[in-house]
């Protein structure tokens, strides 16, 4: 009788451990089994340099989602970024999506100015007003070496 008692306790312990591992796998893997708690919006950028899948999306300084993917629109020569936004967050059609840098050399993220004067964007809609990140190499070159064209025009 005691033999079966120990086996039952060990079996329950293993079962509880497997349930915990399964729960952690679903939570850490961002797998949604019973529907999603977010919706997709799209934004077209001239460049997404430094932006990666999984980078955060912020609005008013709070994280509201993450980058879900990228595709290229070759007809318009732009990159389309899929933005996964948490459901209670509302974005209007006059919103502006900008690619920013966290700190001096930190990760890139998308900052959304929510707008508010227009209509609400429905899931799957596109944010039309975007700002791509500045090219730091070009800015440093202009600062370090001056604007060559400007100097040559002034001499003439």
C-alpha atoms as a PDB file:
ATOM      1  CA  UNK A   1       0.000   0.000   0.000  1.00  0.00           C
ATOM      2  CA  UNK A   2       2.819   2.418   0.850  1.00  0.00           C
ATOM      3  CA  UNK A   3       4.459   1.602  -2.452  1.00  0.00           C
ATOM      4  CA  UNK A   4       1.471   2.941  -4.396  1.00  0.00           C
ATOM      5  CA  UNK A   5       1.281   6.016  -2.173  1.00  0.00           C
ATOM      6  CA  UNK A   6       4.871   7.030  -3.027  1.00  0.00           C
ATOM      7  CA  UNK A   7       4.292   6.388  -6.727  1.00  0.00           C
ATOM      8  CA  UNK A   8       1.119   8.491  -6.682  1.00  0.00           C
ATOM      9  CA  UNK A   9       2.877  11.393  -4.947  1.00  0.00           C
ATOM     10  CA  UNK A  10       5.779  11.204  -7.427  1.00  0.00           C
ATOM     11  CA  UNK A  11       3.343  11.063 -10.357  1.00  0.00           C
ATOM     12  CA  UNK A  12       1.436  14.143  -9.104  1.00  0.00           C
ATOM     13  CA  UNK A  13       4.733  15.993  -8.625  1.00  0.00           C
ATOM     14  CA  UNK A  14       5.789  15.206 -12.215  1.00  0.00           C
ATOM     15  CA  UNK A  15       2.338  16.193 -13.548  1.00  0.00           C
ATOM     16  CA  UNK A  16       2.416  19.541 -11.728  1.00  0.00           C
ATOM     17  CA  UNK A  17       5.952  20.148 -13.026  1.00  0.00           C
ATOM     18  CA  UNK A  18       4.878  19.464 -16.626  1.00  0.00           C
ATOM     19  CA  UNK A  19       1.901  21.811 -16.288  1.00  0.00           C
ATOM     20  CA  UNK A  20       4.209  24.564 -14.966  1.00  0.00           C
ATOM     21  CA  UNK A  21       6.697  24.046 -17.816  1.00  0.00           C
ATOM     22  CA  UNK A  22       3.851  24.168 -20.367  1.00  0.00           C
ATOM     23  CA  UNK A  23       2.462  27.366 -18.848  1.00  0.00           C
ATOM     24  CA  UNK A  24       5.874  29.068 -18.877  1.00  0.00           C
ATOM     25  CA  UNK A  25       6.472  27.975 -22.470  1.00  0.00           C
ATOM     26  CA  UNK A  26       3.208  29.569 -23.601  1.00  0.00           C
ATOM     27  CA  UNK A  27       3.774  32.783 -21.608  1.00  0.00           C
ATOM     28  CA  UNK A  28       7.439  33.316 -22.513  1.00  0.00           C
ATOM     29  CA  UNK A  29       6.896  32.371 -26.156  1.00  0.00           C
ATOM     30  CA  UNK A  30       4.072  34.918 -26.550  1.00  0.00           C
ATOM     31  CA  UNK A  31       1.780  32.188 -27.833  1.00  0.00           C
ATOM     32  CA  UNK A  32      -1.893  33.078 -27.666  1.00  0.00           C
ATOM     33  CA  UNK A  33      -4.092  30.007 -27.369  1.00  0.00           C
ATOM     34  CA  UNK A  34      -7.465  31.710 -26.862  1.00  0.00           C
ATOM     35  CA  UNK A  35      -7.318  34.707 -29.164  1.00  0.00           C
ATOM     36  CA  UNK A  36      -4.952  37.599 -29.363  1.00  0.00           C
ATOM     37  CA  UNK A  37      -4.786  40.584 -27.039  1.00  0.00           C
ATOM     38  CA  UNK A  38      -3.412  42.826 -29.794  1.00  0.00           C
ATOM     39  CA  UNK A  39      -4.141  44.010 -33.320  1.00  0.00           C
ATOM     40  CA  UNK A  40      -2.000  44.891 -36.350  1.00  0.00           C
ATOM     41  CA  UNK A  41      -1.398  48.286 -37.884  1.00  0.00           C
ATOM     42  CA  UNK A  42       0.993  48.961 -40.745  1.00  0.00           C
ATOM     43  CA  UNK A  43       3.400  51.832 -41.382  1.00  0.00           C
ATOM     44  CA  UNK A  44       5.433  52.609 -44.514  1.00  0.00           C
ATOM     45  CA  UNK A  45       9.000  53.846 -43.993  1.00  0.00           C
ATOM     46  CA  UNK A  46      11.706  54.878 -46.461  1.00  0.00           C
ATOM     47  CA  UNK A  47      14.247  53.090 -44.251  1.00  0.00           C
ATOM     48  CA  UNK A  48      14.003  50.824 -41.215  1.00  0.00           C
ATOM     49  CA  UNK A  49      17.742  50.765 -40.585  1.00  0.00           C
ATOM     50  CA  UNK A  50      18.464  49.255 -37.158  1.00  0.00           C
ATOM     51  CA  UNK A  51      14.846  48.281 -36.476  1.00  0.00           C
ATOM     52  CA  UNK A  52      14.261  44.579 -35.773  1.00  0.00           C
ATOM     53  CA  UNK A  53      11.342  42.239 -35.225  1.00  0.00           C
ATOM     54  CA  UNK A  54      10.451  42.344 -31.532  1.00  0.00           C
ATOM     55  CA  UNK A  55      11.574  45.951 -30.965  1.00  0.00           C
ATOM     56  CA  UNK A  56       9.133  47.961 -28.912  1.00  0.00           C
ATOM     57  CA  UNK A  57       6.481  50.450 -29.949  1.00  0.00           C
ATOM     58  CA  UNK A  58       5.935  53.384 -27.598  1.00  0.00           C
ATOM     59  CA  UNK A  59       3.244  56.002 -27.247  1.00  0.00           C
ATOM     60  CA  UNK A  60       3.661  58.893 -24.816  1.00  0.00           C
ATOM     61  CA  UNK A  61       6.639  57.077 -23.273  1.00  0.00           C
ATOM     62  CA  UNK A  62       4.795  53.815 -22.550  1.00  0.00           C
ATOM     63  CA  UNK A  63       5.380  50.542 -24.367  1.00  0.00           C
ATOM     64  CA  UNK A  64       2.204  49.626 -26.249  1.00  0.00           C
ATOM     65  CA  UNK A  65       3.345  46.836 -28.545  1.00  0.00           C
ATOM     66  CA  UNK A  66       6.122  45.421 -30.685  1.00  0.00           C
ATOM     67  CA  UNK A  67       7.293  45.103 -34.280  1.00  0.00           C
ATOM     68  CA  UNK A  68       5.861  41.896 -35.761  1.00  0.00           C
ATOM     69  CA  UNK A  69       7.440  41.893 -39.214  1.00  0.00           C
ATOM     70  CA  UNK A  70       8.615  43.676 -42.338  1.00  0.00           C
ATOM     71  CA  UNK A  71       7.813  43.467 -46.021  1.00  0.00           C
ATOM     72  CA  UNK A  72       8.945  45.469 -49.028  1.00  0.00           C
ATOM     73  CA  UNK A  73       6.609  47.372 -51.330  1.00  0.00           C
ATOM     74  CA  UNK A  74       8.762  47.518 -54.462  1.00  0.00           C
ATOM     75  CA  UNK A  75       6.257  49.569 -56.431  1.00  0.00           C
ATOM     76  CA  UNK A  76       6.494  52.466 -53.968  1.00  0.00           C
ATOM     77  CA  UNK A  77      10.092  51.715 -52.857  1.00  0.00           C
ATOM     78  CA  UNK A  78       9.195  51.592 -49.153  1.00  0.00           C
ATOM     79  CA  UNK A  79       9.361  49.088 -46.323  1.00  0.00           C
ATOM     80  CA  UNK A  80       6.069  48.154 -44.665  1.00  0.00           C
ATOM     81  CA  UNK A  81       6.395  47.429 -40.943  1.00  0.00           C
ATOM     82  CA  UNK A  82       3.713  45.433 -39.129  1.00  0.00           C
ATOM     83  CA  UNK A  83       3.036  46.965 -35.715  1.00  0.00           C
ATOM     84  CA  UNK A  84       1.317  44.773 -33.104  1.00  0.00           C
ATOM     85  CA  UNK A  85      -0.573  47.120 -30.747  1.00  0.00           C
ATOM     86  CA  UNK A  86      -2.253  45.987 -27.505  1.00  0.00           C
ATOM     87  CA  UNK A  87      -6.053  46.086 -27.767  1.00  0.00           C
ATOM     88  CA  UNK A  88      -7.060  48.814 -25.324  1.00  0.00           C
ATOM     89  CA  UNK A  89      -4.752  51.303 -27.094  1.00  0.00           C
ATOM     90  CA  UNK A  90      -6.423  53.540 -29.695  1.00  0.00           C
ATOM     91  CA  UNK A  91      -4.577  55.082 -32.635  1.00  0.00           C
ATOM     92  CA  UNK A  92      -6.158  57.712 -34.877  1.00  0.00           C
ATOM     93  CA  UNK A  93      -5.680  58.219 -38.608  1.00  0.00           C
ATOM     94  CA  UNK A  94      -3.703  61.440 -38.053  1.00  0.00           C
ATOM     95  CA  UNK A  95      -1.077  59.606 -35.957  1.00  0.00           C
ATOM     96  CA  UNK A  96       2.621  59.901 -36.797  1.00  0.00           C
ATOM     97  CA  UNK A  97       4.954  56.876 -36.541  1.00  0.00           C
ATOM     98  CA  UNK A  98       8.655  57.728 -36.086  1.00  0.00           C
ATOM     99  CA  UNK A  99      11.696  55.499 -35.729  1.00  0.00           C
ATOM    100  CA  UNK A 100      13.714  56.670 -32.724  1.00  0.00           C
ATOM    101  CA  UNK A 101      16.820  55.540 -30.848  1.00  0.00           C
ATOM    102  CA  UNK A 102      16.791  54.728 -27.139  1.00  0.00           C
ATOM    103  CA  UNK A 103      19.773  56.661 -25.812  1.00  0.00           C
ATOM    104  CA  UNK A 104      22.867  57.615 -27.773  1.00  0.00           C
ATOM    105  CA  UNK A 105      23.636  54.201 -29.281  1.00  0.00           C
ATOM    106  CA  UNK A 106      20.681  52.189 -27.997  1.00  0.00           C
ATOM    107  CA  UNK A 107      18.116  50.028 -29.745  1.00  0.00           C
ATOM    108  CA  UNK A 108      15.686  51.472 -32.226  1.00  0.00           C
ATOM    109  CA  UNK A 109      11.977  51.627 -31.493  1.00  0.00           C
ATOM    110  CA  UNK A 110       8.864  53.067 -33.098  1.00  0.00           C
ATOM    111  CA  UNK A 111       7.306  56.056 -31.379  1.00  0.00           C
ATOM    112  CA  UNK A 112       3.687  56.820 -32.206  1.00  0.00           C
ATOM    113  CA  UNK A 113       2.185  60.259 -31.697  1.00  0.00           C
ATOM    114  CA  UNK A 114      -1.438  59.124 -31.196  1.00  0.00           C
ATOM    115  CA  UNK A 115      -3.194  61.965 -32.987  1.00  0.00           C
ATOM    116  CA  UNK A 116      -6.809  62.429 -31.981  1.00  0.00           C
ATOM    117  CA  UNK A 117      -8.395  64.789 -34.475  1.00  0.00           C
ATOM    118  CA  UNK A 118      -9.224  62.080 -37.009  1.00  0.00           C
ATOM    119  CA  UNK A 119     -11.058  58.775 -36.970  1.00  0.00           C
ATOM    120  CA  UNK A 120      -9.869  55.618 -35.189  1.00  0.00           C
ATOM    121  CA  UNK A 121      -7.693  53.286 -37.239  1.00  0.00           C
ATOM    122  CA  UNK A 122      -9.229  49.841 -37.625  1.00  0.00           C
ATOM    123  CA  UNK A 123      -7.098  46.668 -37.332  1.00  0.00           C
ATOM    124  CA  UNK A 124      -5.114  46.185 -40.527  1.00  0.00           C
ATOM    125  CA  UNK A 125      -5.104  49.904 -41.399  1.00  0.00           C
ATOM    126  CA  UNK A 126      -1.987  51.868 -42.351  1.00  0.00           C
ATOM    127  CA  UNK A 127      -0.469  54.835 -40.535  1.00  0.00           C
ATOM    128  CA  UNK A 128       0.166  57.226 -43.415  1.00  0.00           C
ATOM    129  CA  UNK A 129       2.432  59.783 -41.721  1.00  0.00           C
ATOM    130  CA  UNK A 130       5.863  58.337 -40.889  1.00  0.00           C
ATOM    131  CA  UNK A 131       9.375  59.568 -40.187  1.00  0.00           C
ATOM    132  CA  UNK A 132      12.406  57.396 -40.984  1.00  0.00           C
ATOM    133  CA  UNK A 133      15.534  57.530 -38.809  1.00  0.00           C
ATOM    134  CA  UNK A 134      18.244  60.022 -39.768  1.00  0.00           C
ATOM    135  CA  UNK A 135      21.421  58.575 -41.292  1.00  0.00           C
ATOM    136  CA  UNK A 136      23.954  59.071 -38.486  1.00  0.00           C
ATOM    137  CA  UNK A 137      26.941  58.583 -40.794  1.00  0.00           C
ATOM    138  CA  UNK A 138      25.732  61.386 -43.039  1.00  0.00           C
ATOM    139  CA  UNK A 139      25.040  63.689 -40.089  1.00  0.00           C
ATOM    140  CA  UNK A 140      28.466  63.049 -38.549  1.00  0.00           C
ATOM    141  CA  UNK A 141      30.118  63.639 -41.932  1.00  0.00           C
ATOM    142  CA  UNK A 142      28.338  66.967 -42.367  1.00  0.00           C
ATOM    143  CA  UNK A 143      29.271  68.033 -38.854  1.00  0.00           C
ATOM    144  CA  UNK A 144      32.895  66.870 -39.034  1.00  0.00           C
ATOM    145  CA  UNK A 145      33.708  68.064 -42.549  1.00  0.00           C
ATOM    146  CA  UNK A 146      31.194  70.861 -42.944  1.00  0.00           C
ATOM    147  CA  UNK A 147      28.741  71.181 -45.772  1.00  0.00           C
ATOM    148  CA  UNK A 148      31.024  71.139 -48.838  1.00  0.00           C
ATOM    149  CA  UNK A 149      28.328  72.301 -51.254  1.00  0.00           C
ATOM    150  CA  UNK A 150      27.424  75.249 -49.032  1.00  0.00           C
ATOM    151  CA  UNK A 151      31.068  76.367 -48.809  1.00  0.00           C
ATOM    152  CA  UNK A 152      31.666  76.102 -52.557  1.00  0.00           C
ATOM    153  CA  UNK A 153      28.502  78.088 -53.365  1.00  0.00           C
ATOM    154  CA  UNK A 154      29.515  80.913 -51.019  1.00  0.00           C
ATOM    155  CA  UNK A 155      32.936  81.288 -52.695  1.00  0.00           C
ATOM    156  CA  UNK A 156      31.432  81.860 -56.167  1.00  0.00           C
END
